Protein backbone atom coordinates (compact mmCIF):
# COMPACT_ATOMS: atom_id res chain seq x y z
CA MET A 1 -60.46 29.34 67.17
CA ILE A 2 -62.63 31.37 69.66
CA LEU A 3 -65.84 32.84 68.10
CA LYS A 4 -67.27 36.03 69.02
CA GLY A 5 -71.07 36.22 68.63
CA THR A 6 -74.09 35.46 70.10
CA LYS A 7 -75.13 32.25 71.37
CA PHE A 8 -77.21 31.49 68.10
CA GLN A 9 -74.55 32.76 65.77
CA VAL A 10 -71.94 30.81 67.41
CA LYS A 11 -74.25 27.70 66.87
CA VAL A 12 -74.72 28.35 63.25
CA TRP A 13 -70.97 28.64 62.45
CA LYS A 14 -70.44 25.70 64.46
CA TYR A 15 -72.97 23.81 62.24
CA LEU A 16 -71.34 25.29 58.90
CA LYS A 17 -67.76 23.58 59.89
CA ASN A 18 -69.50 20.28 59.33
CA ILE A 19 -70.76 20.94 55.78
CA PRO A 20 -68.38 18.75 53.77
CA LYS A 21 -66.23 19.90 50.82
CA GLY A 22 -68.15 19.76 47.42
CA GLN A 23 -71.44 19.99 48.86
CA VAL A 24 -74.03 22.65 49.49
CA VAL A 25 -77.02 23.11 52.00
CA THR A 26 -79.88 25.80 52.13
CA TYR A 27 -80.41 28.29 54.76
CA LEU A 28 -83.53 25.82 55.81
CA ASP A 29 -81.33 22.84 56.26
CA VAL A 30 -78.94 24.73 58.42
CA ALA A 31 -81.93 26.05 60.46
CA LYS A 32 -83.24 22.12 60.65
CA GLY A 33 -79.71 21.19 61.47
CA ILE A 34 -79.74 23.26 64.75
CA ASN A 35 -83.25 22.46 65.51
CA LYS A 36 -84.75 25.73 64.94
CA PRO A 37 -86.52 24.86 61.55
CA LYS A 38 -88.76 28.35 61.57
CA ALA A 39 -85.33 30.47 61.99
CA VAL A 40 -84.46 30.50 58.57
CA ARG A 41 -83.76 34.39 58.52
CA ALA A 42 -82.09 34.40 61.38
CA VAL A 43 -80.03 31.59 60.15
CA ALA A 44 -79.22 33.81 57.02
CA ASN A 45 -78.28 36.82 59.20
CA ALA A 46 -75.93 34.60 61.10
CA VAL A 47 -74.11 33.08 58.12
CA GLY A 48 -73.80 36.89 56.92
CA LYS A 49 -72.10 37.71 59.73
CA ASN A 50 -69.55 34.97 59.64
CA PRO A 51 -66.25 36.38 61.02
CA CYS A 52 -64.26 33.83 59.53
CA ALA A 53 -65.09 33.27 55.89
CA PRO A 54 -64.07 30.95 54.07
CA LYS A 55 -62.28 29.26 56.83
CA ILE A 56 -66.04 28.60 58.34
CA PRO A 57 -67.43 27.75 54.74
CA CYS A 58 -70.44 29.60 54.56
CA HIS A 59 -69.89 29.74 50.84
CA ARG A 60 -71.87 26.18 50.94
CA VAL A 61 -75.04 27.60 52.14
CA ILE A 62 -77.36 28.80 49.10
CA ARG A 63 -81.11 29.60 48.99
CA SER A 64 -83.69 26.90 48.73
CA ASP A 65 -84.48 28.29 45.27
CA GLY A 66 -80.83 27.29 44.16
CA GLY A 67 -80.05 31.02 44.44
CA LEU A 68 -76.60 31.68 45.76
CA GLY A 69 -77.72 34.04 48.63
CA GLY A 70 -74.94 36.22 49.85
CA TYR A 71 -71.54 36.31 50.92
CA SER A 72 -70.07 38.34 53.58
CA GLY A 73 -66.31 37.43 52.73
CA PRO A 74 -63.98 39.36 50.73
CA GLY A 75 -65.16 39.56 47.26
CA GLY A 76 -68.64 39.23 47.85
CA LEU A 77 -70.61 36.78 45.42
CA LYS A 78 -67.82 36.83 43.12
CA THR A 79 -65.35 34.92 45.55
CA LYS A 80 -68.37 32.64 46.85
CA LYS A 81 -68.80 31.46 42.86
CA LYS A 82 -65.23 30.90 42.81
CA LEU A 83 -64.92 29.00 45.86
CA LEU A 84 -67.90 26.61 44.98
CA LYS A 85 -66.37 26.02 41.56
CA LEU A 86 -62.90 25.20 42.92
CA GLU A 87 -64.88 22.53 44.89
CA GLY A 88 -66.75 21.16 41.84
CA ILE A 89 -70.07 22.79 42.57
CA ILE A 90 -71.47 24.98 39.33
CA LEU A 91 -74.72 26.51 39.95
């Protein structure tokens, strides 16, 4: 799969591919994971531009306060909730 985006976006998307099924991480966790701990908003924006949802599992990224955040895939937050529930995650 060839990902088209900025260097930063591609780095975020590649990180998302490593989030195990049935687990969630926060936008801050992703920012720290790519060694950009102060780039939480930029990470959230990159996650929101994920061109391959849910194949690249951006639905596994939530806000630090436990909120769902957003979901840019088809169906929006309703789909994000459904995908998480299918993986055994109930928020």
